[in-house]
C-alpha atoms as a PDB file:
ATOM      1  CA  MET A   1      95.302  -8.490  40.524  1.00  0.00           C
ATOM      2  CA  SER A   2      94.364  -7.780  36.907  1.00  0.00           C
ATOM      3  CA  PHE A   3      95.302  -4.698  34.906  1.00  0.00           C
ATOM      4  CA  ASP A   4      92.532  -2.106  34.448  1.00  0.00           C
ATOM      5  CA  ALA A   5      93.047  -0.444  31.048  1.00  0.00           C
ATOM      6  CA  MET A   6      90.236   2.037  31.608  1.00  0.00           C
ATOM      7  CA  ALA A   7      91.705   3.217  34.933  1.00  0.00           C
ATOM      8  CA  ALA A   8      95.108   3.531  33.226  1.00  0.00           C
ATOM      9  CA  ALA A   9      93.514   5.643  30.475  1.00  0.00           C
ATOM     10  CA  VAL A  10      92.019   7.974  33.093  1.00  0.00           C
ATOM     11  CA  ASP A  11      95.445   8.250  34.772  1.00  0.00           C
ATOM     12  CA  TRP A  12      96.912   9.028  31.324  1.00  0.00           C
ATOM     13  CA  LEU A  13      94.374  11.831  30.773  1.00  0.00           C
ATOM     14  CA  ASP A  14      94.944  13.167  34.293  1.00  0.00           C
ATOM     15  CA  ALA A  15      98.700  13.420  33.617  1.00  0.00           C
ATOM     16  CA  TYR A  16      97.989  15.059  30.250  1.00  0.00           C
ATOM     17  CA  ARG A  17      95.603  17.580  31.807  1.00  0.00           C
ATOM     18  CA  ALA A  18      98.153  18.369  34.535  1.00  0.00           C
ATOM     19  CA  GLY A  19     100.879  18.954  31.953  1.00  0.00           C
ATOM     20  CA  ASP A  20     102.994  16.289  33.659  1.00  0.00           C
ATOM     21  CA  VAL A  21     105.313  15.133  30.859  1.00  0.00           C
ATOM     22  CA  ASP A  22     107.438  12.869  33.064  1.00  0.00           C
ATOM     23  CA  THR A  23     104.460  10.973  34.464  1.00  0.00           C
ATOM     24  CA  ILE A  24     102.902  10.427  31.062  1.00  0.00           C
ATOM     25  CA  LEU A  25     106.223   9.286  29.575  1.00  0.00           C
ATOM     26  CA  ARG A  26     106.602   6.662  32.326  1.00  0.00           C
ATOM     27  CA  MET A  27     103.290   5.195  31.141  1.00  0.00           C
ATOM     28  CA  TYR A  28     104.791   4.325  27.723  1.00  0.00           C
ATOM     29  CA  ALA A  29     106.872   1.278  26.848  1.00  0.00           C
ATOM     30  CA  GLU A  30     110.303   2.197  25.513  1.00  0.00           C
ATOM     31  CA  ASP A  31     109.351   0.735  22.109  1.00  0.00           C
ATOM     32  CA  ALA A  32     105.865   2.313  22.060  1.00  0.00           C
ATOM     33  CA  VAL A  33     104.526   3.749  18.821  1.00  0.00           C
ATOM     34  CA  ILE A  34     102.391   6.888  18.697  1.00  0.00           C
ATOM     35  CA  VAL A  35     100.386   7.463  15.501  1.00  0.00           C
ATOM     36  CA  CYS A  36      98.843  10.920  15.662  1.00  0.00           C
ATOM     37  CA  GLY A  37      96.285  11.974  13.074  1.00  0.00           C
ATOM     38  CA  CYS A  38      95.792  15.459  14.502  1.00  0.00           C
ATOM     39  CA  GLY A  39      96.740  17.755  11.616  1.00  0.00           C
ATOM     40  CA  CYS A  40      98.947  15.695   9.341  1.00  0.00           C
ATOM     41  CA  THR A  41      99.454  12.054  10.323  1.00  0.00           C
ATOM     42  CA  LYS A  42     102.742  11.410  12.049  1.00  0.00           C
ATOM     43  CA  THR A  43     104.353   8.368  13.646  1.00  0.00           C
ATOM     44  CA  ILE A  44     106.487   8.920  16.716  1.00  0.00           C
ATOM     45  CA  THR A  45     108.889   6.385  18.215  1.00  0.00           C
ATOM     46  CA  GLY A  46     111.654   6.327  20.793  1.00  0.00           C
ATOM     47  CA  PRO A  47     111.977   8.100  24.125  1.00  0.00           C
ATOM     48  CA  GLU A  48     113.260  11.360  22.592  1.00  0.00           C
ATOM     49  CA  GLY A  49     110.455  11.400  20.029  1.00  0.00           C
ATOM     50  CA  HIS A  50     107.865  10.696  22.719  1.00  0.00           C
ATOM     51  CA  ARG A  51     109.180  13.537  24.891  1.00  0.00           C
ATOM     52  CA  ALA A  52     109.189  16.024  21.999  1.00  0.00           C
ATOM     53  CA  TYR A  53     105.644  14.938  21.025  1.00  0.00           C
ATOM     54  CA  TRP A  54     104.293  15.351  24.562  1.00  0.00           C
ATOM     55  CA  VAL A  55     105.993  18.670  25.244  1.00  0.00           C
ATOM     56  CA  ASP A  56     104.414  20.007  22.042  1.00  0.00           C
ATOM     57  CA  ARG A  57     100.985  18.444  22.770  1.00  0.00           C
ATOM     58  CA  MET A  58     100.811  19.933  26.231  1.00  0.00           C
ATOM     59  CA  ILE A  59     101.669  23.396  24.963  1.00  0.00           C
ATOM     60  CA  GLN A  60      99.759  23.435  21.648  1.00  0.00           C
ATOM     61  CA  TYR A  61      96.810  21.134  22.486  1.00  0.00           C
ATOM     62  CA  PRO A  62      96.178  21.088  26.252  1.00  0.00           C
ATOM     63  CA  ALA A  63      93.474  18.638  27.257  1.00  0.00           C
ATOM     64  CA  SER A  64      90.554  19.679  29.399  1.00  0.00           C
ATOM     65  CA  ARG A  65      87.639  17.420  30.214  1.00  0.00           C
ATOM     66  CA  LEU A  66      86.924  13.773  29.570  1.00  0.00           C
ATOM     67  CA  ASP A  67      84.241  13.219  26.937  1.00  0.00           C
ATOM     68  CA  ASN A  68      84.001   9.426  26.698  1.00  0.00           C
ATOM     69  CA  LEU A  69      85.760   6.284  27.893  1.00  0.00           C
ATOM     70  CA  GLN A  70      85.198   2.774  26.561  1.00  0.00           C
ATOM     71  CA  GLN A  71      86.883  -0.595  26.682  1.00  0.00           C
ATOM     72  CA  ALA A  72      88.742  -1.338  23.447  1.00  0.00           C
ATOM     73  CA  GLU A  73      90.654  -4.348  22.183  1.00  0.00           C
ATOM     74  CA  GLU A  74      93.837  -4.623  24.279  1.00  0.00           C
ATOM     75  CA  GLY A  75      93.134  -1.276  25.916  1.00  0.00           C
ATOM     76  CA  ALA A  76      90.846   1.710  26.068  1.00  0.00           C
ATOM     77  CA  LEU A  77      89.254   4.317  23.806  1.00  0.00           C
ATOM     78  CA  ILE A  78      89.270   7.731  25.440  1.00  0.00           C
ATOM     79  CA  SER A  79      87.845  10.965  24.029  1.00  0.00           C
ATOM     80  CA  TYR A  80      88.710  14.338  25.489  1.00  0.00           C
ATOM     81  CA  VAL A  81      88.355  18.025  24.744  1.00  0.00           C
ATOM     82  CA  VAL A  82      91.207  20.239  23.466  1.00  0.00           C
ATOM     83  CA  PRO A  83      90.868  23.892  22.362  1.00  0.00           C
ATOM     84  CA  GLU A  84      90.333  22.821  18.728  1.00  0.00           C
ATOM     85  CA  GLY A  85      87.575  20.333  19.556  1.00  0.00           C
ATOM     86  CA  LEU A  86      87.272  16.676  20.463  1.00  0.00           C
ATOM     87  CA  VAL A  87      90.097  14.127  20.159  1.00  0.00           C
ATOM     88  CA  SER A  88      89.792  10.335  20.404  1.00  0.00           C
ATOM     89  CA  ALA A  89      92.718   8.152  21.379  1.00  0.00           C
ATOM     90  CA  VAL A  90      93.054   4.392  21.505  1.00  0.00           C
ATOM     91  CA  LEU A  91      95.611   3.221  24.029  1.00  0.00           C
ATOM     92  CA  LYS A  92      96.775  -0.388  23.685  1.00  0.00           C
ATOM     93  CA  PHE A  93      98.766  -1.765  26.589  1.00  0.00           C
ATOM     94  CA  ASN A  94     101.484  -4.411  26.810  1.00  0.00           C
ATOM     95  CA  ALA A  95     101.635  -7.202  29.389  1.00  0.00           C
ATOM     96  CA  ALA A  96     103.459  -4.877  31.816  1.00  0.00           C
ATOM     97  CA  GLY A  97     100.576  -2.369  31.684  1.00  0.00           C
ATOM     98  CA  GLN A  98     102.469   0.239  29.661  1.00  0.00           C
ATOM     99  CA  VAL A  99     101.134   1.966  26.564  1.00  0.00           C
ATOM    100  CA  ALA A 100     102.480   0.005  23.578  1.00  0.00           C
ATOM    101  CA  VAL A 101     100.447   1.678  20.824  1.00  0.00           C
ATOM    102  CA  HIS A 102      98.739   5.051  20.964  1.00  0.00           C
ATOM    103  CA  THR A 103      96.639   6.218  18.021  1.00  0.00           C
ATOM    104  CA  CYS A 104      94.746   9.494  18.074  1.00  0.00           C
ATOM    105  CA  GLY A 105      92.920  11.949  15.890  1.00  0.00           C
ATOM    106  CA  PRO A 106      89.949  14.267  15.751  1.00  0.00           C
ATOM    107  CA  ALA A 107      86.749  12.578  16.944  1.00  0.00           C
ATOM    108  CA  ASN A 108      83.953  12.288  14.413  1.00  0.00           C
END
């Protein structure tokens, strides 16, 4: 069975929309890097950093509906709506199917 990055991205958004921090954190590799360009650009690493990032995201920037989903190199490009507008995220997955690199920012 092959890994479906687009299905994983939809699962990621579903967990985000549900406010399910624990589920979304299990989707990330322990050494995953999050580069968030929403507001000022920040780089987040480590399990504690990931948890703090996601707790804040779910409170300050709750996601609502899916806008777009496309295959991307090593993963998926997913766009979704937050109260401030549209955000695009690229999720790159490792061989185990976990998010290894997550980059996001306001969609153009």
